[in-house]
Protein backbone atom coordinates (compact mmCIF):
# COMPACT_ATOMS: atom_id res chain seq x y z
CA GLN A 1 4.75 -12.78 14.17
CA VAL A 2 5.04 -10.17 11.44
CA GLN A 3 4.20 -6.59 12.34
CA LEU A 4 3.54 -3.91 9.75
CA VAL A 5 3.42 -0.17 10.28
CA GLU A 6 2.13 2.19 7.60
CA SER A 7 2.94 5.88 7.32
CA GLY A 8 2.66 8.78 4.89
CA GLY A 9 -1.08 9.35 4.74
CA GLY A 10 -2.70 12.75 4.97
CA LEU A 11 -4.77 15.39 3.23
CA VAL A 12 -3.95 16.26 -0.37
CA GLN A 13 -5.68 18.21 -3.11
CA PRO A 14 -6.92 16.51 -6.26
CA GLY A 15 -4.06 16.09 -8.70
CA GLY A 16 -1.53 15.95 -5.89
CA SER A 17 0.82 13.19 -4.77
CA LEU A 18 1.49 11.16 -1.66
CA ARG A 19 4.03 8.50 -0.82
CA LEU A 20 2.97 5.75 1.55
CA SER A 21 5.45 3.51 3.31
CA CYS A 22 5.03 0.22 5.15
CA THR A 23 7.81 -1.15 7.34
CA GLY A 24 7.82 -4.74 8.47
CA SER A 25 9.40 -6.49 11.45
CA GLY A 26 9.36 -9.89 13.06
CA GLY A 27 9.86 -11.96 9.92
CA THR A 28 12.04 -12.41 6.85
CA PHE A 29 10.65 -9.56 4.79
CA SER A 30 12.08 -10.81 1.50
CA ASN A 31 9.98 -13.98 1.75
CA TYR A 32 6.68 -12.12 1.70
CA GLY A 33 4.51 -10.91 -1.10
CA MET A 34 3.39 -7.39 -0.20
CA SER A 35 0.31 -5.46 -1.18
CA TRP A 36 -1.64 -2.29 -0.52
CA TYR A 37 -5.39 -2.19 -0.04
CA LEU A 38 -7.83 0.71 0.11
CA GLN A 39 -10.93 0.77 2.24
CA ALA A 40 -12.99 3.70 1.05
CA PRO A 41 -15.74 5.08 3.32
CA GLY A 42 -18.69 2.70 3.37
CA LYS A 43 -16.98 0.18 1.10
CA GLU A 44 -15.12 -3.09 1.42
CA ARG A 45 -11.36 -3.28 1.40
CA GLU A 46 -10.01 -3.60 -2.15
CA LEU A 47 -6.63 -4.44 -3.62
CA VAL A 48 -4.75 -1.44 -4.99
CA ALA A 49 -1.32 -2.85 -5.82
CA ALA A 50 0.82 -5.90 -5.13
CA ILE A 51 4.47 -6.80 -5.49
CA GLY A 52 6.24 -10.15 -5.37
CA PRO A 53 8.96 -11.06 -2.86
CA THR A 54 11.84 -10.05 -5.13
CA GLY A 55 10.10 -6.98 -6.54
CA THR A 56 10.18 -8.19 -10.13
CA SER A 57 6.43 -8.74 -10.43
CA THR A 58 3.77 -6.13 -9.77
CA ASN A 59 0.02 -5.93 -10.16
CA TYR A 60 -2.33 -2.94 -10.06
CA ALA A 61 -6.04 -2.29 -9.88
CA LEU A 62 -7.30 -0.79 -13.14
CA SER A 63 -8.38 2.34 -11.31
CA VAL A 64 -4.80 3.22 -10.29
CA LYS A 65 -2.78 1.88 -13.22
CA GLY A 66 -0.50 4.58 -14.57
CA ARG A 67 -0.94 6.73 -11.46
CA PHE A 68 0.37 4.56 -8.60
CA THR A 69 3.67 2.71 -8.33
CA ILE A 70 4.49 0.01 -5.80
CA SER A 71 8.09 -0.78 -4.94
CA ARG A 72 10.03 -2.47 -2.18
CA ASP A 73 13.42 -2.35 -0.51
CA ASN A 74 14.11 -5.68 1.16
CA ALA A 75 17.26 -4.35 2.79
CA LYS A 76 15.11 -1.82 4.65
CA ASN A 77 12.06 -4.10 5.11
CA THR A 78 9.95 -1.47 3.39
CA VAL A 79 7.31 -1.38 0.70
CA THR A 80 6.26 1.94 -0.79
CA LEU A 81 3.24 3.15 -2.71
CA GLN A 82 3.84 6.28 -4.76
CA MET A 83 0.49 7.86 -5.57
CA ASN A 84 0.29 10.54 -8.24
CA SER A 85 -2.61 12.39 -9.89
CA LEU A 86 -4.77 11.65 -6.88
CA LYS A 87 -8.55 11.76 -7.20
CA PRO A 88 -11.27 12.17 -4.58
CA GLU A 89 -12.20 8.51 -5.09
CA ASP A 90 -8.74 7.53 -3.82
CA THR A 91 -9.87 8.67 -0.36
CA GLY A 92 -9.92 6.11 2.43
CA VAL A 93 -7.67 4.09 4.68
CA TYR A 94 -4.71 2.36 3.04
CA TYR A 95 -3.58 -0.93 4.52
CA CYS A 96 -0.38 -2.85 3.98
CA LYS A 97 -0.53 -6.65 3.83
CA ALA A 98 2.20 -9.28 3.93
CA THR A 99 1.47 -12.72 2.51
CA ILE A 100 3.35 -16.00 2.69
CA GLY A 101 1.53 -19.17 1.77
CA TRP A 102 -1.86 -19.06 3.43
CA ARG A 103 -0.82 -16.56 6.07
CA ASN A 104 -1.69 -12.87 5.84
CA TYR A 105 -0.58 -10.08 8.12
CA TRP A 106 -2.10 -6.62 8.13
CA GLY A 107 -1.01 -3.21 9.32
CA LYS A 108 -3.38 -0.82 11.07
CA GLY A 109 -3.68 1.49 8.09
CA THR A 110 -2.95 5.10 7.23
CA PRO A 111 -5.73 7.49 6.17
CA VAL A 112 -5.66 9.42 2.91
CA THR A 113 -8.08 12.21 2.08
CA VAL A 114 -8.14 13.74 -1.39
CA SER A 115 -10.15 16.93 -1.25
CA SER A 116 -9.99 20.56 -2.22
């Protein structure tokens, strides 16, 4: 059973930066595709960024392209989301997901609020 724990959320002003981390345990981390999702208030959970098992392939939502960067360190079982030039619409709970085949595992999320 894979367990994921997110950290790094908080309150930041528009234009600021945050770095989210997700640490996995209970599985072979390097076998999993990893992704970050945002659930904004009153909205469904949406994909923000994804990275393949080796880290060579990445994918971003159009709304964050050029502002967010996803990366992973398989030696540390960690995936990171660097968020720059934050906007109020980036507010919500960020979830980490691990995927292998048809199986998905979710963390409990870390909240981000972008407000002045």
